């Protein structure tokens, strides 16, 4: 996938974030298309950030995971699952530093 390709590039974090932003925008403007970030999308983007030396990576990962939690809570079809991201080898977060939000 395009995200897999960006994961191999030095500036892949910004490119992957842009793809994620475009998916969000498409979801908002054309909800009938059902184009939205899924578990694989979130896993790839968080892994790209985790592998980067960017000082913003921890904050970016936390924000992406929080977005994923909110998406799970708001979506009628449950959307992506944080459990599945962790099972697929996604980023492991320190639960004490980033406790789950209420209702998750």
C-alpha atoms as a PDB file:
ATOM      1  CA  UNK A   1       0.000   0.000   0.000  1.00  0.00           C
ATOM      2  CA  UNK A   2       0.976   3.637  -0.228  1.00  0.00           C
ATOM      3  CA  UNK A   3       1.444   3.785   3.534  1.00  0.00           C
ATOM      4  CA  UNK A   4       3.777   0.792   3.415  1.00  0.00           C
ATOM      5  CA  UNK A   5       5.876   2.664   0.864  1.00  0.00           C
ATOM      6  CA  UNK A   6       6.016   5.797   3.037  1.00  0.00           C
ATOM      7  CA  UNK A   7       7.177   3.668   5.963  1.00  0.00           C
ATOM      8  CA  UNK A   8      10.450   3.122   4.094  1.00  0.00           C
ATOM      9  CA  UNK A   9      11.122   6.806   3.357  1.00  0.00           C
ATOM     10  CA  UNK A  10      13.058   9.246   5.547  1.00  0.00           C
ATOM     11  CA  UNK A  11      10.193  11.763   5.452  1.00  0.00           C
ATOM     12  CA  UNK A  12       7.548   9.052   5.668  1.00  0.00           C
ATOM     13  CA  UNK A  13       5.987  10.373   8.863  1.00  0.00           C
ATOM     14  CA  UNK A  14       4.732  13.534   7.203  1.00  0.00           C
ATOM     15  CA  UNK A  15       3.624  11.671   4.075  1.00  0.00           C
ATOM     16  CA  UNK A  16       1.770   9.015   6.099  1.00  0.00           C
ATOM     17  CA  UNK A  17       0.120  11.707   8.205  1.00  0.00           C
ATOM     18  CA  UNK A  18      -1.031  13.413   5.003  1.00  0.00           C
ATOM     19  CA  UNK A  19      -2.610  10.163   3.729  1.00  0.00           C
ATOM     20  CA  UNK A  20      -4.380   9.783   7.077  1.00  0.00           C
ATOM     21  CA  UNK A  21      -5.585  13.404   6.871  1.00  0.00           C
ATOM     22  CA  UNK A  22      -6.891  12.837   3.349  1.00  0.00           C
ATOM     23  CA  UNK A  23      -8.770   9.726   4.477  1.00  0.00           C
ATOM     24  CA  UNK A  24     -10.333  11.722   7.331  1.00  0.00           C
ATOM     25  CA  UNK A  25     -11.346  14.519   4.947  1.00  0.00           C
ATOM     26  CA  UNK A  26     -12.873  12.060   2.472  1.00  0.00           C
ATOM     27  CA  UNK A  27     -14.782  10.381   5.280  1.00  0.00           C
ATOM     28  CA  UNK A  28     -16.187  13.757   6.370  1.00  0.00           C
ATOM     29  CA  UNK A  29     -17.076  15.044   2.913  1.00  0.00           C
ATOM     30  CA  UNK A  30     -18.284  11.765   1.392  1.00  0.00           C
ATOM     31  CA  UNK A  31     -19.498   9.460   4.201  1.00  0.00           C
ATOM     32  CA  UNK A  32     -21.388   7.282   1.712  1.00  0.00           C
ATOM     33  CA  UNK A  33     -18.045   6.117   0.252  1.00  0.00           C
ATOM     34  CA  UNK A  34     -17.066   4.525   3.573  1.00  0.00           C
ATOM     35  CA  UNK A  35     -13.450   5.566   3.083  1.00  0.00           C
ATOM     36  CA  UNK A  36     -11.963   5.880   6.523  1.00  0.00           C
ATOM     37  CA  UNK A  37      -8.852   4.898   8.416  1.00  0.00           C
ATOM     38  CA  UNK A  38      -9.001   1.282   9.562  1.00  0.00           C
ATOM     39  CA  UNK A  39      -6.915  -0.827  11.928  1.00  0.00           C
ATOM     40  CA  UNK A  40      -4.216  -1.383   9.343  1.00  0.00           C
ATOM     41  CA  UNK A  41      -4.035   2.336   8.548  1.00  0.00           C
ATOM     42  CA  UNK A  42      -3.630   3.291  12.192  1.00  0.00           C
ATOM     43  CA  UNK A  43      -1.111   0.499  12.809  1.00  0.00           C
ATOM     44  CA  UNK A  44       1.092   1.521   9.895  1.00  0.00           C
ATOM     45  CA  UNK A  45       0.998   5.226  10.735  1.00  0.00           C
ATOM     46  CA  UNK A  46       1.750   4.674  14.436  1.00  0.00           C
ATOM     47  CA  UNK A  47       4.612   2.321  13.530  1.00  0.00           C
ATOM     48  CA  UNK A  48       6.067   4.896  11.123  1.00  0.00           C
ATOM     49  CA  UNK A  49       6.006   7.493  13.895  1.00  0.00           C
ATOM     50  CA  UNK A  50       7.451   4.998  16.405  1.00  0.00           C
ATOM     51  CA  UNK A  51      10.410   4.227  14.124  1.00  0.00           C
ATOM     52  CA  UNK A  52      11.145   7.877  13.449  1.00  0.00           C
ATOM     53  CA  UNK A  53      13.596  10.035  15.358  1.00  0.00           C
ATOM     54  CA  UNK A  54      11.085  12.856  15.314  1.00  0.00           C
ATOM     55  CA  UNK A  55      10.723  14.449  18.764  1.00  0.00           C
ATOM     56  CA  UNK A  56       6.959  14.762  18.133  1.00  0.00           C
ATOM     57  CA  UNK A  57       6.483  11.020  17.659  1.00  0.00           C
ATOM     58  CA  UNK A  58       5.221  10.198  21.156  1.00  0.00           C
ATOM     59  CA  UNK A  59       2.631  12.974  20.995  1.00  0.00           C
ATOM     60  CA  UNK A  60       1.595  12.020  17.453  1.00  0.00           C
ATOM     61  CA  UNK A  61       1.156   8.360  18.430  1.00  0.00           C
ATOM     62  CA  UNK A  62      -0.888   9.293  21.496  1.00  0.00           C
ATOM     63  CA  UNK A  63      -3.123  11.533  19.361  1.00  0.00           C
ATOM     64  CA  UNK A  64      -3.646   8.835  16.734  1.00  0.00           C
ATOM     65  CA  UNK A  65      -4.537   6.248  19.383  1.00  0.00           C
ATOM     66  CA  UNK A  66      -6.945   8.672  21.048  1.00  0.00           C
ATOM     67  CA  UNK A  67      -8.586   9.336  17.677  1.00  0.00           C
ATOM     68  CA  UNK A  68      -8.911   5.609  17.220  1.00  0.00           C
ATOM     69  CA  UNK A  69     -10.582   5.254  20.634  1.00  0.00           C
ATOM     70  CA  UNK A  70     -13.044   8.007  19.755  1.00  0.00           C
ATOM     71  CA  UNK A  71     -13.755   6.438  16.370  1.00  0.00           C
ATOM     72  CA  UNK A  72     -14.488   3.111  18.063  1.00  0.00           C
ATOM     73  CA  UNK A  73     -16.884   4.766  20.504  1.00  0.00           C
ATOM     74  CA  UNK A  74     -18.718   6.837  17.856  1.00  0.00           C
ATOM     75  CA  UNK A  75     -18.950   4.384  14.979  1.00  0.00           C
ATOM     76  CA  UNK A  76     -22.066   2.261  14.585  1.00  0.00           C
ATOM     77  CA  UNK A  77     -20.019  -0.571  13.082  1.00  0.00           C
ATOM     78  CA  UNK A  78     -17.366  -0.246  15.798  1.00  0.00           C
ATOM     79  CA  UNK A  79     -14.629   0.942  13.420  1.00  0.00           C
ATOM     80  CA  UNK A  80     -11.046   0.053  14.244  1.00  0.00           C
ATOM     81  CA  UNK A  81     -10.037  -1.669  17.464  1.00  0.00           C
ATOM     82  CA  UNK A  82      -7.036  -0.809  19.624  1.00  0.00           C
ATOM     83  CA  UNK A  83      -6.893  -4.447  20.710  1.00  0.00           C
ATOM     84  CA  UNK A  84      -6.378  -5.500  17.101  1.00  0.00           C
ATOM     85  CA  UNK A  85      -3.626  -2.904  16.594  1.00  0.00           C
ATOM     86  CA  UNK A  86      -1.734  -4.318  19.566  1.00  0.00           C
ATOM     87  CA  UNK A  87      -2.292  -7.925  18.428  1.00  0.00           C
ATOM     88  CA  UNK A  88      -0.976  -7.098  14.963  1.00  0.00           C
ATOM     89  CA  UNK A  89       2.306  -5.784  16.350  1.00  0.00           C
ATOM     90  CA  UNK A  90       1.282  -2.152  16.545  1.00  0.00           C
ATOM     91  CA  UNK A  91       2.758   0.332  18.939  1.00  0.00           C
ATOM     92  CA  UNK A  92       2.660  -0.629  22.601  1.00  0.00           C
ATOM     93  CA  UNK A  93       1.839   2.348  24.796  1.00  0.00           C
ATOM     94  CA  UNK A  94       2.538   2.648  28.506  1.00  0.00           C
ATOM     95  CA  UNK A  95      -0.943   2.258  30.033  1.00  0.00           C
ATOM     96  CA  UNK A  96       0.040   4.422  33.038  1.00  0.00           C
ATOM     97  CA  UNK A  97       1.052   7.284  30.758  1.00  0.00           C
ATOM     98  CA  UNK A  98      -1.993   6.961  28.475  1.00  0.00           C
ATOM     99  CA  UNK A  99      -4.876   5.399  30.418  1.00  0.00           C
ATOM    100  CA  UNK A 100      -7.932   4.368  28.380  1.00  0.00           C
ATOM    101  CA  UNK A 101     -10.677   6.961  28.195  1.00  0.00           C
ATOM    102  CA  UNK A 102     -13.934   6.383  30.025  1.00  0.00           C
ATOM    103  CA  UNK A 103     -16.315   4.112  28.184  1.00  0.00           C
ATOM    104  CA  UNK A 104     -13.641   2.331  26.203  1.00  0.00           C
END
